[in-house]
Amino acid sequence: MSPSKSEAAYQLVSERITNGAYSPGYRLVLGTIAAELGCSVVPVREAIRRLEAEGLVHFTRNVGATVAHVDSTLYLHTMQTLMIIEPAATALAADAMDAAWLAQARELNDKMRQCLEDFDPVAFTRMNTEFHQLLYGQCPNPHILDLVQRGWRRLAAMRASSFTHIPNRAKASVAEHDALLDLIAGHATPAQIETAAREHRANTLNAYLQAAGMPPSVI
């Protein structure tokens, strides 16, 4: 079943914001997007409102819709939200993580470790995103999974979580990934997995806040 025109517009604009094709401040011309999709501006407007609600788009009277700029407060709120829901998603997904999945996750984390030798923050950030998708991606609760995916899309669009900003965090992040995988492989309790995942997310957030000269998160 093909997506609705509104969903197609949402996916198109969201992807282009996330991959940088639409940079912060870029003006979104609804008519141009509608023409590309072969539809009226009505479903495009619906998609833009949805993206505005997610913090990816900013609407100004007499100007229109533009891609939102990096907002440290929005980043903080997004990360605090992920600190609550992503660890829960990871813990719920743990039972579905078989040996093949675990091997794939360890291989990816090993590639991240190799990346530390001649550090490429863009590649490292991409692999970090893929790693976490592996961890929470099998969450059986579709509502929690949707919230986590929205948070990650928002971070990608802001590009504020890139290890370009916090390169010194990369080595510790890989080590924490190893510890988290060890817990999953050892059939730790969901509470133990959730706690470790939350501490990992908090450490990344606080590294970013420190680099930005902001106080650490209390969550």
N, C-alpha and C. Protein backbone atom coordinates (compact mmCIF):
# COMPACT_ATOMS: atom_id res chain seq x y z
N MET A 1 0.85 -1.20 0.00
CA MET A 1 0.00 0.00 0.00
C MET A 1 0.88 1.24 0.00
N SER A 2 0.67 2.13 -0.97
CA SER A 2 1.49 3.33 -1.06
C SER A 2 1.09 4.34 0.01
N PRO A 3 2.05 5.14 0.50
CA PRO A 3 1.72 6.12 1.53
C PRO A 3 0.83 7.23 0.98
N SER A 4 0.11 7.91 1.86
CA SER A 4 -0.72 9.03 1.45
C SER A 4 0.17 10.16 0.94
N LYS A 5 -0.41 11.12 0.26
CA LYS A 5 0.37 12.25 -0.24
C LYS A 5 0.99 13.04 0.91
N SER A 6 0.24 13.17 2.00
CA SER A 6 0.76 13.88 3.16
C SER A 6 1.96 13.14 3.75
N GLU A 7 1.85 11.81 3.85
CA GLU A 7 2.95 11.00 4.39
C GLU A 7 4.15 11.05 3.45
N ALA A 8 3.89 11.01 2.14
CA ALA A 8 4.99 11.07 1.17
C ALA A 8 5.73 12.40 1.28
N ALA A 9 4.97 13.49 1.45
CA ALA A 9 5.59 14.81 1.61
C ALA A 9 6.39 14.89 2.89
N TYR A 10 5.84 14.31 3.95
CA TYR A 10 6.54 14.29 5.25
C TYR A 10 7.85 13.54 5.13
N GLN A 11 7.82 12.38 4.52
CA GLN A 11 9.03 11.56 4.39
C GLN A 11 10.08 12.26 3.53
N LEU A 12 9.63 12.89 2.45
CA LEU A 12 10.55 13.58 1.55
C LEU A 12 11.26 14.72 2.25
N VAL A 13 10.49 15.60 2.87
CA VAL A 13 11.08 16.78 3.52
C VAL A 13 11.91 16.37 4.73
N SER A 14 11.41 15.41 5.52
CA SER A 14 12.13 14.94 6.70
C SER A 14 13.50 14.38 6.32
N GLU A 15 13.52 13.56 5.26
CA GLU A 15 14.79 12.95 4.82
C GLU A 15 15.76 14.02 4.34
N ARG A 16 15.27 15.01 3.62
CA ARG A 16 16.16 16.04 3.10
C ARG A 16 16.69 16.96 4.20
N ILE A 17 15.90 17.16 5.24
CA ILE A 17 16.39 17.92 6.39
C ILE A 17 17.46 17.11 7.10
N THR A 18 17.19 15.83 7.30
CA THR A 18 18.11 14.96 8.03
C THR A 18 19.44 14.79 7.32
N ASN A 19 19.41 14.62 5.99
CA ASN A 19 20.68 14.39 5.27
C ASN A 19 21.40 15.67 4.87
N GLY A 20 20.80 16.82 5.24
CA GLY A 20 21.48 18.08 4.99
C GLY A 20 21.17 18.74 3.67
N ALA A 21 20.34 18.10 2.83
CA ALA A 21 19.97 18.71 1.55
C ALA A 21 19.22 20.02 1.78
N TYR A 22 18.39 20.03 2.83
CA TYR A 22 17.73 21.26 3.27
C TYR A 22 18.44 21.70 4.54
N SER A 23 19.27 22.70 4.45
CA SER A 23 20.06 23.15 5.60
C SER A 23 19.25 24.11 6.48
N PRO A 24 19.69 24.36 7.72
CA PRO A 24 18.98 25.29 8.61
C PRO A 24 18.78 26.65 7.93
N GLY A 25 17.56 27.15 8.00
CA GLY A 25 17.23 28.41 7.37
C GLY A 25 16.68 28.27 5.97
N TYR A 26 16.78 27.09 5.38
CA TYR A 26 16.30 26.86 4.02
C TYR A 26 14.79 27.07 3.97
N ARG A 27 14.34 27.86 2.99
CA ARG A 27 12.91 28.16 2.85
C ARG A 27 12.22 27.04 2.09
N LEU A 28 11.17 26.50 2.68
CA LEU A 28 10.42 25.41 2.08
C LEU A 28 9.27 25.98 1.27
N VAL A 29 9.36 25.86 -0.04
CA VAL A 29 8.32 26.37 -0.94
C VAL A 29 7.31 25.25 -1.18
N LEU A 30 6.14 25.42 -0.62
CA LEU A 30 5.14 24.35 -0.67
C LEU A 30 4.76 23.99 -2.10
N GLY A 31 4.63 24.99 -2.96
CA GLY A 31 4.24 24.73 -4.34
C GLY A 31 5.26 23.89 -5.09
N THR A 32 6.54 24.16 -4.82
CA THR A 32 7.61 23.40 -5.48
C THR A 32 7.61 21.95 -5.03
N ILE A 33 7.43 21.73 -3.72
CA ILE A 33 7.38 20.37 -3.19
C ILE A 33 6.16 19.64 -3.73
N ALA A 34 5.03 20.35 -3.78
CA ALA A 34 3.80 19.74 -4.29
C ALA A 34 3.95 19.33 -5.75
N ALA A 35 4.60 20.20 -6.53
CA ALA A 35 4.80 19.89 -7.95
C ALA A 35 5.68 18.66 -8.12
N GLU A 36 6.70 18.54 -7.26
CA GLU A 36 7.60 17.39 -7.33
C GLU A 36 6.86 16.09 -7.02
N LEU A 37 5.91 16.18 -6.10
CA LEU A 37 5.15 14.99 -5.70
C LEU A 37 3.92 14.77 -6.56
N GLY A 38 3.59 15.77 -7.39
CA GLY A 38 2.40 15.64 -8.23
C GLY A 38 1.11 15.71 -7.47
N CYS A 39 1.06 16.63 -6.49
CA CYS A 39 -0.15 16.77 -5.68
C CYS A 39 -0.43 18.25 -5.41
N SER A 40 -1.51 18.54 -4.71
CA SER A 40 -1.82 19.91 -4.33
C SER A 40 -0.97 20.30 -3.13
N VAL A 41 -1.06 21.57 -2.74
CA VAL A 41 -0.26 22.02 -1.59
C VAL A 41 -0.88 21.59 -0.26
N VAL A 42 -2.12 21.11 -0.28
CA VAL A 42 -2.80 20.74 0.97
C VAL A 42 -2.06 19.64 1.74
N PRO A 43 -1.73 18.50 1.13
CA PRO A 43 -0.98 17.47 1.88
C PRO A 43 0.42 17.93 2.26
N VAL A 44 1.03 18.80 1.45
CA VAL A 44 2.35 19.32 1.80
C VAL A 44 2.25 20.20 3.03
N ARG A 45 1.20 21.02 3.09
CA ARG A 45 0.99 21.87 4.26
C ARG A 45 0.79 21.02 5.51
N GLU A 46 0.07 19.92 5.38
CA GLU A 46 -0.15 19.02 6.51
C GLU A 46 1.19 18.44 6.99
N ALA A 47 2.03 18.07 6.03
CA ALA A 47 3.35 17.51 6.38
C ALA A 47 4.22 18.55 7.07
N ILE A 48 4.16 19.79 6.60
CA ILE A 48 4.96 20.87 7.19
C ILE A 48 4.51 21.14 8.62
N ARG A 49 3.21 21.11 8.86
CA ARG A 49 2.71 21.31 10.22
C ARG A 49 3.19 20.20 11.14
N ARG A 50 3.24 19.00 10.62
CA ARG A 50 3.73 17.85 11.41
C ARG A 50 5.21 18.03 11.75
N LEU A 51 5.98 18.48 10.78
CA LEU A 51 7.41 18.70 11.01
C LEU A 51 7.64 19.88 11.95
N GLU A 52 6.76 20.87 11.88
CA GLU A 52 6.85 22.00 12.81
C GLU A 52 6.61 21.53 14.24
N ALA A 53 5.63 20.64 14.42
CA ALA A 53 5.34 20.10 15.75
C ALA A 53 6.51 19.32 16.30
N GLU A 54 7.31 18.72 15.42
CA GLU A 54 8.47 17.94 15.84
C GLU A 54 9.70 18.81 16.03
N GLY A 55 9.60 20.10 15.73
CA GLY A 55 10.72 21.00 15.93
C GLY A 55 11.70 21.07 14.78
N LEU A 56 11.37 20.45 13.66
CA LEU A 56 12.29 20.45 12.52
C LEU A 56 12.08 21.63 11.59
N VAL A 57 10.89 22.21 11.66
CA VAL A 57 10.55 23.32 10.78
C VAL A 57 10.03 24.48 11.63
N HIS A 58 10.38 25.69 11.20
CA HIS A 58 9.92 26.90 11.89
C HIS A 58 9.05 27.70 10.94
N PHE A 59 7.89 28.15 11.40
CA PHE A 59 6.99 28.92 10.55
C PHE A 59 6.92 30.35 11.05
N THR A 60 7.16 31.31 10.15
CA THR A 60 7.12 32.73 10.48
C THR A 60 6.10 33.42 9.59
N ARG A 61 5.28 34.23 10.19
CA ARG A 61 4.25 34.96 9.44
C ARG A 61 4.90 35.85 8.39
N ASN A 62 4.36 35.86 7.20
CA ASN A 62 4.84 36.65 6.07
C ASN A 62 6.18 36.16 5.50
N VAL A 63 6.71 35.10 6.07
CA VAL A 63 7.95 34.51 5.56
C VAL A 63 7.68 33.09 5.07
N GLY A 64 6.96 32.33 5.88
CA GLY A 64 6.66 30.96 5.53
C GLY A 64 7.45 29.97 6.34
N ALA A 65 7.56 28.76 5.84
CA ALA A 65 8.22 27.67 6.55
C ALA A 65 9.69 27.59 6.18
N THR A 66 10.54 27.49 7.18
CA THR A 66 11.97 27.33 6.96
C THR A 66 12.48 26.20 7.85
N VAL A 67 13.59 25.60 7.47
CA VAL A 67 14.20 24.55 8.28
C VAL A 67 14.75 25.18 9.55
N ALA A 68 14.43 24.58 10.68
CA ALA A 68 14.82 25.14 11.98
C ALA A 68 16.33 25.12 12.16
N HIS A 69 16.83 26.14 12.85
CA HIS A 69 18.24 26.20 13.20
C HIS A 69 18.50 25.33 14.44
N VAL A 70 19.77 25.02 14.67
CA VAL A 70 20.13 24.26 15.86
C VAL A 70 19.73 25.04 17.09
N ASP A 71 19.02 24.40 17.97
CA ASP A 71 18.52 25.02 19.19
C ASP A 71 19.01 24.18 20.37
N SER A 72 19.90 24.76 21.17
CA SER A 72 20.47 24.00 22.29
C SER A 72 19.39 23.53 23.26
N THR A 73 18.37 24.36 23.45
CA THR A 73 17.29 23.97 24.36
C THR A 73 16.50 22.80 23.79
N LEU A 74 16.21 22.85 22.48
CA LEU A 74 15.50 21.74 21.84
C LEU A 74 16.34 20.47 21.90
N TYR A 75 17.65 20.60 21.69
CA TYR A 75 18.54 19.44 21.78
C TYR A 75 18.47 18.85 23.19
N LEU A 76 18.54 19.72 24.20
CA LEU A 76 18.47 19.26 25.58
C LEU A 76 17.17 18.51 25.84
N HIS A 77 16.06 19.09 25.42
CA HIS A 77 14.77 18.45 25.66
C HIS A 77 14.64 17.13 24.91
N THR A 78 15.16 17.10 23.68
CA THR A 78 15.09 15.87 22.89
C THR A 78 15.92 14.76 23.54
N MET A 79 17.13 15.11 23.97
CA MET A 79 17.99 14.11 24.61
C MET A 79 17.41 13.65 25.95
N GLN A 80 16.83 14.57 26.71
CA GLN A 80 16.22 14.17 27.98
C GLN A 80 15.06 13.21 27.73
N THR A 81 14.30 13.46 26.68
CA THR A 81 13.21 12.56 26.32
C THR A 81 13.75 11.19 25.93
N LEU A 82 14.80 11.18 25.10
CA LEU A 82 15.40 9.91 24.69
C LEU A 82 16.01 9.16 25.87
N MET A 83 16.50 9.90 26.86
CA MET A 83 17.06 9.26 28.05
C MET A 83 16.01 8.44 28.80
N ILE A 84 14.75 8.79 28.62
CA ILE A 84 13.66 8.07 29.29
C ILE A 84 13.14 6.93 28.41
N ILE A 85 12.90 7.23 27.12
CA ILE A 85 12.19 6.24 26.29
C ILE A 85 13.12 5.29 25.55
N GLU A 86 14.32 5.74 25.13
CA GLU A 86 15.18 4.83 24.37
C GLU A 86 15.70 3.68 25.22
N PRO A 87 16.14 3.91 26.47
CA PRO A 87 16.55 2.77 27.30
C PRO A 87 15.43 1.77 27.51
N ALA A 88 14.20 2.27 27.65
CA ALA A 88 13.06 1.36 27.80
C ALA A 88 12.87 0.53 26.53
N ALA A 89 13.01 1.18 25.37
CA ALA A 89 12.87 0.46 24.10
C ALA A 89 13.97 -0.59 23.96
N THR A 90 15.18 -0.25 24.35
CA THR A 90 16.31 -1.17 24.27
C THR A 90 16.09 -2.38 25.18
N ALA A 91 15.60 -2.13 26.39
CA ALA A 91 15.34 -3.22 27.33
C ALA A 91 14.24 -4.14 26.82
N LEU A 92 13.21 -3.54 26.23
CA LEU A 92 12.10 -4.35 25.70
C LEU A 92 12.54 -5.16 24.48
N ALA A 93 13.52 -4.64 23.73
CA ALA A 93 13.98 -5.32 22.52
C ALA A 93 14.99 -6.44 22.81
N ALA A 94 15.54 -6.46 24.02
CA ALA A 94 16.65 -7.36 24.33
C ALA A 94 16.32 -8.84 24.08
N ASP A 95 15.11 -9.25 24.37
CA ASP A 95 14.75 -10.66 24.20
C ASP A 95 14.80 -11.10 22.75
N ALA A 96 14.64 -10.15 21.83
CA ALA A 96 14.63 -10.48 20.40
C ALA A 96 16.03 -10.46 19.79
N MET A 97 17.03 -10.12 20.59
CA MET A 97 18.39 -9.97 20.09
C MET A 97 19.12 -11.31 20.17
N ASP A 98 19.12 -12.05 19.05
CA ASP A 98 19.75 -13.36 19.02
C ASP A 98 21.24 -13.25 18.73
N ALA A 99 21.90 -14.39 18.58
CA ALA A 99 23.35 -14.41 18.39
C ALA A 99 23.77 -13.68 17.11
N ALA A 100 22.99 -13.85 16.05
CA ALA A 100 23.31 -13.19 14.79
C ALA A 100 23.22 -11.68 14.92
N TRP A 101 22.18 -11.23 15.60
CA TRP A 101 22.02 -9.79 15.84
C TRP A 101 23.19 -9.27 16.67
N LEU A 102 23.54 -10.00 17.72
CA LEU A 102 24.61 -9.58 18.61
C LEU A 102 25.93 -9.48 17.85
N ALA A 103 26.20 -10.44 16.98
CA ALA A 103 27.42 -10.41 16.17
C ALA A 103 27.44 -9.18 15.27
N GLN A 104 26.31 -8.84 14.70
CA GLN A 104 26.21 -7.67 13.84
C GLN A 104 26.49 -6.38 14.63
N ALA A 105 25.93 -6.31 15.84
CA ALA A 105 26.14 -5.12 16.67
C ALA A 105 27.60 -5.00 17.09
N ARG A 106 28.23 -6.13 17.44
CA ARG A 106 29.64 -6.09 17.85
C ARG A 106 30.53 -5.72 16.66
N GLU A 107 30.20 -6.20 15.49
CA GLU A 107 30.98 -5.86 14.30
C GLU A 107 30.92 -4.36 14.02
N LEU A 108 29.74 -3.81 14.16
CA LEU A 108 29.58 -2.38 13.93
C LEU A 108 30.34 -1.57 14.98
N ASN A 109 30.28 -2.01 16.23
CA ASN A 109 31.02 -1.29 17.27
C ASN A 109 32.53 -1.42 17.08
N ASP A 110 32.98 -2.56 16.54
CA ASP A 110 34.41 -2.72 16.23
C ASP A 110 34.83 -1.73 15.13
N LYS A 111 33.95 -1.50 14.17
CA LYS A 111 34.26 -0.52 13.12
C LYS A 111 34.35 0.88 13.72
N MET A 112 33.52 1.15 14.70
CA MET A 112 33.59 2.44 15.38
C MET A 112 34.91 2.57 16.14
N ARG A 113 35.36 1.47 16.73
CA ARG A 113 36.63 1.47 17.44
C ARG A 113 37.80 1.73 16.48
N GLN A 114 37.74 1.11 15.31
CA GLN A 114 38.78 1.33 14.30
C GLN A 114 38.78 2.77 13.82
N CYS A 115 37.61 3.38 13.79
CA CYS A 115 37.46 4.76 13.34
C CYS A 115 38.16 5.73 14.29
N LEU A 116 38.37 5.31 15.53
CA LEU A 116 39.02 6.16 16.53
C LEU A 116 40.48 6.42 16.16
N GLU A 117 41.11 5.47 15.43
CA GLU A 117 42.53 5.57 15.12
C GLU A 117 42.83 6.76 14.21
N ASP A 118 41.97 6.98 13.23
CA ASP A 118 42.08 8.14 12.35
C ASP A 118 40.70 8.76 12.33
N PHE A 119 40.39 9.49 13.39
CA PHE A 119 39.01 9.84 13.71
C PHE A 119 38.31 10.63 12.62
N ASP A 120 37.17 10.07 12.21
CA ASP A 120 36.30 10.71 11.24
C ASP A 120 34.96 10.91 11.94
N PRO A 121 34.68 12.12 12.45
CA PRO A 121 33.47 12.33 13.25
C PRO A 121 32.18 12.10 12.48
N VAL A 122 32.16 12.39 11.19
CA VAL A 122 30.95 12.19 10.40
C VAL A 122 30.64 10.70 10.26
N ALA A 123 31.67 9.91 9.93
CA ALA A 123 31.48 8.46 9.80
C ALA A 123 31.14 7.85 11.15
N PHE A 124 31.79 8.32 12.20
CA PHE A 124 31.54 7.79 13.53
C PHE A 124 30.10 8.07 13.96
N THR A 125 29.63 9.28 13.70
CA THR A 125 28.26 9.64 14.05
C THR A 125 27.26 8.77 13.29
N ARG A 126 27.53 8.53 12.02
CA ARG A 126 26.64 7.69 11.21
C ARG A 126 26.58 6.27 11.78
N MET A 127 27.74 5.71 12.10
CA MET A 127 27.77 4.35 12.65
C MET A 127 27.13 4.30 14.03
N ASN A 128 27.29 5.37 14.80
CA ASN A 128 26.67 5.42 16.12
C ASN A 128 25.14 5.38 16.00
N THR A 129 24.62 6.10 15.03
CA THR A 129 23.18 6.09 14.78
C THR A 129 22.72 4.69 14.39
N GLU A 130 23.47 4.03 13.51
CA GLU A 130 23.13 2.67 13.08
C GLU A 130 23.18 1.70 14.25
N PHE A 131 24.18 1.87 15.12
CA PHE A 131 24.32 0.99 16.28
C PHE A 131 23.09 1.08 17.17
N HIS A 132 22.68 2.29 17.47
CA HIS A 132 21.53 2.45 18.35
C HIS A 132 20.23 1.99 17.70
N GLN A 133 20.15 2.14 16.39
CA GLN A 133 18.98 1.60 15.68
C GLN A 133 18.90 0.08 15.85
N LEU A 134 20.05 -0.57 15.85
CA LEU A 134 20.07 -2.02 16.08
C LEU A 134 19.56 -2.35 17.47
N LEU A 135 19.92 -1.53 18.45
CA LEU A 135 19.55 -1.83 19.82
C LEU A 135 18.06 -1.63 20.08
N TYR A 136 17.51 -0.51 19.64
CA TYR A 136 16.10 -0.25 19.95
C TYR A 136 15.15 -0.70 18.84
N GLY A 137 15.70 -1.03 17.66
CA GLY A 137 14.87 -1.28 16.49
C GLY A 137 13.90 -2.44 16.60
N GLN A 138 14.18 -3.40 17.47
CA GLN A 138 13.30 -4.56 17.61
C GLN A 138 12.33 -4.41 18.79
N CYS A 139 12.19 -3.19 19.28
CA CYS A 139 11.25 -2.96 20.38
C CYS A 139 9.85 -3.37 19.94
N PRO A 140 9.18 -4.24 20.70
CA PRO A 140 7.86 -4.75 20.29
C PRO A 140 6.72 -3.75 20.51
N ASN A 141 7.01 -2.65 21.20
CA ASN A 141 5.97 -1.64 21.46
C ASN A 141 6.06 -0.57 20.38
N PRO A 142 5.11 -0.54 19.43
CA PRO A 142 5.22 0.40 18.31
C PRO A 142 5.12 1.86 18.72
N HIS A 143 4.45 2.15 19.81
CA HIS A 143 4.29 3.54 20.25
C HIS A 143 5.61 4.08 20.81
N ILE A 144 6.28 3.27 21.63
CA ILE A 144 7.58 3.68 22.16
C ILE A 144 8.58 3.80 21.02
N LEU A 145 8.56 2.83 20.12
CA LEU A 145 9.50 2.83 18.98
C LEU A 145 9.31 4.09 18.14
N ASP A 146 8.08 4.49 17.90
CA ASP A 146 7.80 5.68 17.10
C ASP A 146 8.37 6.93 17.77
N LEU A 147 8.22 7.03 19.09
CA LEU A 147 8.75 8.19 19.82
C LEU A 147 10.27 8.24 19.75
N VAL A 148 10.91 7.08 19.88
CA VAL A 148 12.37 7.03 19.80
C VAL A 148 12.84 7.45 18.41
N GLN A 149 12.20 6.94 17.39
CA GLN A 149 12.59 7.27 16.02
C GLN A 149 12.40 8.76 15.74
N ARG A 150 11.35 9.35 16.28
CA ARG A 150 11.15 10.79 16.11
C ARG A 150 12.30 11.57 16.75
N GLY A 151 12.69 11.15 17.95
CA GLY A 151 13.78 11.83 18.64
C GLY A 151 15.08 11.78 17.86
N TRP A 152 15.39 10.61 17.32
CA TRP A 152 16.63 10.47 16.54
C TRP A 152 16.57 11.28 15.25
N ARG A 153 15.40 11.34 14.62
CA ARG A 153 15.26 12.17 13.41
C ARG A 153 15.49 13.64 13.75
N ARG A 154 14.98 14.05 14.88
CA ARG A 154 15.16 15.44 15.29
C ARG A 154 16.63 15.74 15.55
N LEU A 155 17.33 14.83 16.20
CA LEU A 155 18.76 15.01 16.45
C LEU A 155 19.54 15.08 15.14
N ALA A 156 19.19 14.19 14.21
CA ALA A 156 19.89 14.17 12.93
C ALA A 156 19.67 15.47 12.17
N ALA A 157 18.45 16.00 12.24
CA ALA A 157 18.15 17.24 11.55
C ALA A 157 18.92 18.41 12.15
N MET A 158 19.05 18.42 13.48
CA MET A 158 19.79 19.50 14.15
C MET A 158 21.30 19.32 13.97
N ARG A 159 21.71 18.06 13.78
CA ARG A 159 23.13 17.73 13.67
C ARG A 159 23.93 18.21 14.89
N ALA A 160 23.21 18.44 16.01
CA ALA A 160 23.88 18.91 17.21
C ALA A 160 24.55 17.78 17.97
N SER A 161 24.13 16.54 17.72
CA SER A 161 24.69 15.41 18.45
C SER A 161 25.92 14.82 17.77
N SER A 162 26.33 15.42 16.66
CA SER A 162 27.48 14.90 15.92
C SER A 162 28.73 14.89 16.80
N PHE A 163 29.53 13.85 16.63
CA PHE A 163 30.77 13.77 17.39
C PHE A 163 31.80 14.78 16.91
N THR A 164 31.42 15.60 15.91
CA THR A 164 32.26 16.74 15.55
C THR A 164 32.35 17.70 16.73
N HIS A 165 31.24 17.79 17.49
CA HIS A 165 31.18 18.70 18.62
C HIS A 165 31.78 18.09 19.89
N ILE A 166 31.75 16.78 20.00
CA ILE A 166 32.24 16.12 21.22
C ILE A 166 33.15 14.95 20.86
N PRO A 167 34.26 15.20 20.15
CA PRO A 167 35.14 14.10 19.72
C PRO A 167 35.73 13.31 20.88
N ASN A 168 35.95 13.96 22.02
CA ASN A 168 36.55 13.27 23.17
C ASN A 168 35.60 12.26 23.80
N ARG A 169 34.35 12.30 23.40
CA ARG A 169 33.35 11.37 23.93
C ARG A 169 33.37 10.03 23.20
N ALA A 170 33.96 9.99 22.02
CA ALA A 170 33.86 8.82 21.14
C ALA A 170 34.43 7.54 21.77
N LYS A 171 35.62 7.61 22.34
CA LYS A 171 36.27 6.41 22.90
C LYS A 171 35.45 5.81 24.03
N ALA A 172 34.97 6.65 24.93
CA ALA A 172 34.16 6.16 26.05
C ALA A 172 32.84 5.59 25.55
N SER A 173 32.30 6.18 24.50
CA SER A 173 31.03 5.71 23.94
C SER A 173 31.16 4.28 23.43
N VAL A 174 32.27 3.98 22.74
CA VAL A 174 32.50 2.63 22.23
C VAL A 174 32.61 1.63 23.38
N ALA A 175 33.32 2.01 24.43
CA ALA A 175 33.46 1.13 25.60
C ALA A 175 32.11 0.88 26.26
N GLU A 176 31.28 1.89 26.33
CA GLU A 176 29.95 1.73 26.92
C GLU A 176 29.06 0.85 26.04
N HIS A 177 29.25 0.93 24.73
CA HIS A 177 28.54 0.02 23.82
C HIS A 177 28.90 -1.43 24.13
N ASP A 178 30.21 -1.69 24.32
CA ASP A 178 30.66 -3.04 24.64
C ASP A 178 30.00 -3.55 25.92
N ALA A 179 29.97 -2.70 26.93
CA ALA A 179 29.39 -3.09 28.22
C ALA A 179 27.90 -3.39 28.08
N LEU A 180 27.22 -2.59 27.27
CA LEU A 180 25.79 -2.80 27.07
C LEU A 180 25.52 -4.11 26.32
N LEU A 181 26.35 -4.40 25.32
CA LEU A 181 26.20 -5.66 24.58
C LEU A 181 26.51 -6.85 25.49
N ASP A 182 27.47 -6.69 26.38
CA ASP A 182 27.79 -7.77 27.32
C ASP A 182 26.59 -8.07 28.22
N LEU A 183 25.90 -7.02 28.65
CA LEU A 183 24.72 -7.21 29.49
C LEU A 183 23.64 -7.97 28.73
N ILE A 184 23.43 -7.59 27.48
CA ILE A 184 22.40 -8.25 26.67
C ILE A 184 22.77 -9.71 26.42
N ALA A 185 24.05 -9.94 26.06
CA ALA A 185 24.51 -11.30 25.79
C ALA A 185 24.44 -12.16 27.04
N GLY A 186 24.65 -11.56 28.20
CA GLY A 186 24.60 -12.29 29.47
C GLY A 186 23.21 -12.41 30.05
N HIS A 187 22.21 -12.01 29.29
CA HIS A 187 20.81 -12.11 29.71
C HIS A 187 20.56 -11.38 31.03
N ALA A 188 21.10 -10.15 31.10
CA ALA A 188 20.84 -9.31 32.27
C ALA A 188 19.36 -8.97 32.34
N THR A 189 18.91 -8.52 33.48
CA THR A 189 17.50 -8.18 33.63
C THR A 189 17.19 -6.92 32.80
N PRO A 190 15.93 -6.76 32.41
CA PRO A 190 15.56 -5.54 31.68
C PRO A 190 15.92 -4.26 32.43
N ALA A 191 15.80 -4.31 33.75
CA ALA A 191 16.13 -3.13 34.56
C ALA A 191 17.62 -2.79 34.45
N GLN A 192 18.47 -3.82 34.45
CA GLN A 192 19.91 -3.58 34.33
C GLN A 192 20.27 -3.01 32.96
N ILE A 193 19.65 -3.55 31.92
CA ILE A 193 19.90 -3.07 30.56
C ILE A 193 19.41 -1.63 30.42
N GLU A 194 18.23 -1.37 30.96
CA GLU A 194 17.67 -0.02 30.86
C GLU A 194 18.54 0.99 31.60
N THR A 195 19.03 0.62 32.77
CA THR A 195 19.89 1.53 33.55
C THR A 195 21.18 1.84 32.81
N ALA A 196 21.81 0.82 32.23
CA ALA A 196 23.06 1.03 31.50
C ALA A 196 22.84 1.90 30.27
N ALA A 197 21.73 1.67 29.56
CA ALA A 197 21.42 2.46 28.37
C ALA A 197 21.14 3.91 28.74
N ARG A 198 20.48 4.12 29.87
CA ARG A 198 20.18 5.49 30.30
C ARG A 198 21.45 6.23 30.70
N GLU A 199 22.34 5.54 31.39
CA GLU A 199 23.61 6.17 31.78
C GLU A 199 24.43 6.53 30.54
N HIS A 200 24.40 5.66 29.53
CA HIS A 200 25.11 5.92 28.28
C HIS A 200 24.57 7.18 27.61
N ARG A 201 23.25 7.29 27.53
CA ARG A 201 22.63 8.46 26.91
C ARG A 201 22.94 9.73 27.72
N ALA A 202 22.91 9.61 29.05
CA ALA A 202 23.20 10.77 29.91
C ALA A 202 24.64 11.24 29.74
N ASN A 203 25.56 10.30 29.59
CA ASN A 203 26.97 10.66 29.43
C ASN A 203 27.19 11.45 28.13
N THR A 204 26.49 11.04 27.06
CA THR A 204 26.61 11.76 25.79
C THR A 204 26.02 13.16 25.91
N LEU A 205 24.84 13.25 26.52
CA LEU A 205 24.20 14.55 26.70
C LEU A 205 25.09 15.49 27.51
N ASN A 206 25.62 15.00 28.62
CA ASN A 206 26.42 15.86 29.47
C ASN A 206 27.74 16.27 28.82
N ALA A 207 28.29 15.41 27.96
CA ALA A 207 29.49 15.79 27.21
C ALA A 207 29.17 16.95 26.27
N TYR A 208 28.01 16.89 25.64
CA TYR A 208 27.59 17.98 24.74
C TYR A 208 27.35 19.26 25.53
N LEU A 209 26.66 19.15 26.65
CA LEU A 209 26.35 20.33 27.47
C LEU A 209 27.63 20.98 27.99
N GLN A 210 28.59 20.15 28.38
CA GLN A 210 29.87 20.68 28.86
C GLN A 210 30.58 21.43 27.74
N ALA A 211 30.58 20.86 26.53
CA ALA A 211 31.23 21.51 25.39
C ALA A 211 30.55 22.83 25.05
N ALA A 212 29.23 22.90 25.31
CA ALA A 212 28.46 24.11 25.01
C ALA A 212 28.47 25.10 26.16
N GLY A 213 29.17 24.75 27.25
CA GLY A 213 29.24 25.64 28.40
C GLY A 213 27.96 25.70 29.19
N MET A 214 27.18 24.60 29.14
CA MET A 214 25.90 24.55 29.85
C MET A 214 26.01 23.60 31.03
N PRO A 215 25.17 23.77 32.06
CA PRO A 215 25.23 22.87 33.21
C PRO A 215 24.77 21.47 32.83
N PRO A 216 25.24 20.45 33.55
CA PRO A 216 24.86 19.06 33.22
C PRO A 216 23.39 18.81 33.48
N SER A 217 22.86 17.81 32.79
CA SER A 217 21.47 17.42 32.98
C SER A 217 21.32 16.70 34.32
N VAL A 218 20.21 16.91 34.97
CA VAL A 218 19.99 16.30 36.29
C VAL A 218 19.26 14.97 36.18
N ILE A 219 18.77 14.61 35.00
CA ILE A 219 18.07 13.33 34.84
C ILE A 219 19.04 12.17 34.89
